[in-house]
């Protein structure tokens, strides 16, 4: 390899490059490569700055889009909740109406069934008059029977189950043989 010569400074009429010795092609390539690397590095920094700015812009855009989407979804959810609430209120009203109708029906049945049974089982006013007259007649007959011996206590006595009556032991006896007694209650 050749040794590079030192450049001469201060010579008249010559430029800096005129005074410089010729560079080794490897050094020249390394220099060009370094210059290319620096250019690429500067370009990469410029692109990186742009990318950072763009990313920050994207960040705000993404946040705005997320907010917008979230607001839209929440509005949809709110609308769905309102529809559900209206449906539930309508169902409650319908259930209330059905409940009232059911209660009225049950009450009507509770009144009508006993009323029908009483009407069927109890006599009507014409029958009541007839039954009262019959009761009065039976009361008169009972009083007459009591006067004629209806208060006598009858039984079947002994093994032969003969008919016997309770007598008043303290009352006097009657008949020729004193074999007639006063019945108890007369």
Protein backbone atom coordinates (compact mmCIF):
# COMPACT_ATOMS: atom_id res chain seq x y z
CA UNK A 1 0.00 0.00 0.00
CA UNK A 2 0.96 3.42 -0.66
CA UNK A 3 1.26 5.98 1.98
CA UNK A 4 -0.92 8.95 1.50
CA UNK A 5 0.77 12.24 1.21
CA UNK A 6 0.02 15.03 3.54
CA UNK A 7 -1.88 17.85 1.91
CA UNK A 8 -0.10 21.03 1.34
CA UNK A 9 -1.73 24.06 2.80
CA UNK A 10 -1.20 27.53 1.57
CA UNK A 11 0.00 26.89 -1.97
CA UNK A 12 -1.08 29.47 -4.46
CA UNK A 13 -3.48 28.65 -7.20
CA UNK A 14 -4.29 25.28 -6.00
CA UNK A 15 -7.48 24.15 -4.18
CA UNK A 16 -7.65 21.88 -1.26
CA UNK A 17 -8.59 18.96 -3.41
CA UNK A 18 -5.71 19.68 -5.79
CA UNK A 19 -3.25 19.41 -2.99
CA UNK A 20 -4.66 16.21 -1.54
CA UNK A 21 -3.13 12.99 -2.56
CA UNK A 22 -5.28 10.33 -4.17
CA UNK A 23 -7.22 8.19 -1.71
CA UNK A 24 -7.17 4.52 -1.49
CA UNK A 25 -10.28 3.02 -3.17
CA UNK A 26 -11.14 1.10 0.01
CA UNK A 27 -10.96 4.27 2.07
CA UNK A 28 -12.97 6.06 -0.56
CA UNK A 29 -15.59 3.36 -0.48
CA UNK A 30 -15.65 3.43 3.34
CA UNK A 31 -16.05 7.20 3.24
CA UNK A 32 -18.85 6.99 0.70
CA UNK A 33 -20.44 4.24 2.71
CA UNK A 34 -20.20 6.35 5.87
CA UNK A 35 -21.66 9.30 4.02
CA UNK A 36 -24.47 7.07 2.75
CA UNK A 37 -25.03 5.74 6.28
CA UNK A 38 -25.25 9.29 7.62
CA UNK A 39 -27.67 10.25 4.87
CA UNK A 40 -29.76 7.18 5.58
CA UNK A 41 -29.59 7.87 9.31
CA UNK A 42 -30.80 11.43 8.75
CA UNK A 43 -33.54 10.16 6.49
CA UNK A 44 -34.43 7.49 9.08
CA UNK A 45 -34.58 10.17 11.80
CA UNK A 46 -36.79 12.34 9.58
CA UNK A 47 -39.03 9.34 8.86
CA UNK A 48 -38.97 8.34 12.52
CA UNK A 49 -40.05 11.88 13.50
CA UNK A 50 -42.81 11.76 10.90
CA UNK A 51 -43.80 8.29 12.11
CA UNK A 52 -43.86 9.50 15.73
CA UNK A 53 -46.03 12.48 14.77
CA UNK A 54 -48.22 10.23 12.67
CA UNK A 55 -48.46 7.72 15.56
CA UNK A 56 -49.45 10.48 17.94
CA UNK A 57 -52.04 11.58 15.40
CA UNK A 58 -53.18 7.98 15.06
CA UNK A 59 -53.38 7.70 18.83
CA UNK A 60 -55.78 10.63 19.03
CA UNK A 61 -57.69 9.34 15.99
CA UNK A 62 -58.00 5.87 17.55
CA UNK A 63 -59.12 7.38 20.87
CA UNK A 64 -61.69 9.52 19.06
CA UNK A 65 -62.90 6.50 17.11
CA UNK A 66 -63.12 4.40 20.28
CA UNK A 67 -65.05 7.21 22.01
CA UNK A 68 -67.37 7.55 19.03
CA UNK A 69 -67.93 3.79 18.88
CA UNK A 70 -68.48 3.61 22.62
CA UNK A 71 -70.96 6.51 22.51
CA UNK A 72 -72.81 4.84 19.60
CA UNK A 73 -72.95 1.51 21.42
CA UNK A 74 -74.06 3.14 24.66
CA UNK A 75 -76.79 5.02 22.78
CA UNK A 76 -77.91 1.75 21.20
CA UNK A 77 -77.87 0.09 24.60
CA UNK A 78 -79.83 2.98 26.12
CA UNK A 79 -82.42 2.72 23.34
CA UNK A 80 -82.69 -1.06 23.87
CA UNK A 81 -83.07 -0.54 27.62
CA UNK A 82 -85.84 2.00 26.99
CA UNK A 83 -87.65 -0.44 24.68
CA UNK A 84 -87.29 -3.20 27.28
CA UNK A 85 -88.57 -0.88 30.00
CA UNK A 86 -91.58 0.06 27.89
CA UNK A 87 -92.28 -3.62 27.23
CA UNK A 88 -92.08 -4.40 30.94
CA UNK A 89 -94.41 -1.52 31.79
CA UNK A 90 -96.89 -2.75 29.17
CA UNK A 91 -96.63 -6.29 30.56
CA UNK A 92 -97.23 -4.99 34.09
CA UNK A 93 -100.32 -3.11 32.92
CA UNK A 94 -101.61 -6.19 31.12
CA UNK A 95 -100.92 -8.34 34.17
CA UNK A 96 -102.70 -5.81 36.38
CA UNK A 97 -105.74 -5.82 34.09
CA UNK A 98 -105.72 -9.62 34.02
CA UNK A 99 -105.38 -9.71 37.80
CA UNK A 100 -108.33 -7.38 38.25
CA UNK A 101 -110.44 -9.39 35.80
CA UNK A 102 -109.44 -12.62 37.53
CA UNK A 103 -110.27 -11.20 40.96
CA UNK A 104 -113.63 -9.95 39.73
CA UNK A 105 -114.35 -13.35 38.20
CA UNK A 106 -113.43 -15.20 41.38
CA UNK A 107 -115.48 -12.77 43.47
CA UNK A 108 -118.47 -13.21 41.16
CA UNK A 109 -118.18 -16.98 41.41
CA UNK A 110 -117.85 -16.77 45.19
CA UNK A 111 -121.08 -14.76 45.32
CA UNK A 112 -123.05 -16.55 42.60
CA UNK A 113 -122.38 -20.14 43.62
CA UNK A 114 -123.57 -19.77 47.25
CA UNK A 115 -126.48 -17.60 46.07
CA UNK A 116 -127.56 -20.28 43.59
CA UNK A 117 -127.19 -22.99 46.23
CA UNK A 118 -129.25 -20.99 48.73
CA UNK A 119 -131.92 -20.29 46.13
CA UNK A 120 -132.08 -23.96 45.27
CA UNK A 121 -131.99 -25.19 48.89
CA UNK A 122 -134.20 -22.57 50.59
CA UNK A 123 -137.91 -22.26 49.93
CA UNK A 124 -139.30 -19.32 48.03
CA UNK A 125 -141.69 -16.83 49.75
CA UNK A 126 -144.83 -18.74 48.67
CA UNK A 127 -143.44 -21.96 50.10
CA UNK A 128 -142.47 -20.11 53.31
CA UNK A 129 -146.07 -19.01 53.88
CA UNK A 130 -147.26 -22.58 53.31
CA UNK A 131 -144.58 -23.98 55.65
CA UNK A 132 -145.46 -21.47 58.39
CA UNK A 133 -149.14 -22.46 58.20
CA UNK A 134 -148.14 -26.12 58.37
CA UNK A 135 -145.90 -25.42 61.38
CA UNK A 136 -148.74 -23.66 63.22
CA UNK A 137 -151.08 -26.59 62.53
CA UNK A 138 -148.44 -29.06 63.75
CA UNK A 139 -147.93 -26.97 66.91
CA UNK A 140 -151.64 -27.14 67.69
CA UNK A 141 -151.65 -30.90 67.08
CA UNK A 142 -148.65 -31.32 69.39
CA UNK A 143 -150.34 -29.37 72.19
CA UNK A 144 -153.44 -31.55 71.81
CA UNK A 145 -151.33 -34.72 71.88
CA UNK A 146 -149.46 -33.56 75.00
CA UNK A 147 -152.80 -33.08 76.72
CA UNK A 148 -153.78 -36.56 75.64
CA UNK A 149 -150.59 -38.37 76.78
CA UNK A 150 -147.80 -37.57 74.34
CA UNK A 151 -145.42 -36.87 77.22
CA UNK A 152 -145.48 -40.49 78.33
CA UNK A 153 -142.05 -42.14 78.33
CA UNK A 154 -142.41 -45.50 76.61
CA UNK A 155 -139.90 -48.40 76.50
CA UNK A 156 -139.57 -52.05 75.76
CA UNK A 157 -138.77 -53.88 78.96
CA UNK A 158 -137.62 -57.38 79.89
CA UNK A 159 -136.56 -60.32 77.77
CA UNK A 160 -139.86 -60.36 75.95
CA UNK A 161 -139.45 -56.66 75.15
CA UNK A 162 -142.88 -55.86 76.48
CA UNK A 163 -144.14 -52.29 76.23
CA UNK A 164 -143.89 -50.40 79.50
CA UNK A 165 -144.21 -46.77 80.71
CA UNK A 166 -142.73 -44.75 83.55
CA UNK A 167 -145.24 -44.18 86.40
CA UNK A 168 -145.54 -41.67 89.25
CA UNK A 169 -144.78 -43.76 92.42
CA UNK A 170 -146.05 -41.14 94.84
CA UNK A 171 -149.44 -40.83 93.15
CA UNK A 172 -152.48 -42.87 94.42
CA UNK A 173 -153.42 -46.10 92.61
CA UNK A 174 -156.80 -46.68 91.00
CA UNK A 175 -159.04 -49.53 90.00
CA UNK A 176 -160.70 -52.44 91.91
CA UNK A 177 -157.45 -54.19 92.37
CA UNK A 178 -155.38 -50.98 92.57
CA UNK A 179 -153.51 -51.98 89.46
CA UNK A 180 -153.82 -48.62 87.62
CA UNK A 181 -151.05 -46.06 88.18
CA UNK A 182 -150.70 -42.39 87.17
CA UNK A 183 -148.18 -41.97 84.35
CA UNK A 184 -145.21 -39.71 85.03
CA UNK A 185 -145.70 -36.18 83.67
CA UNK A 186 -149.53 -36.06 84.18
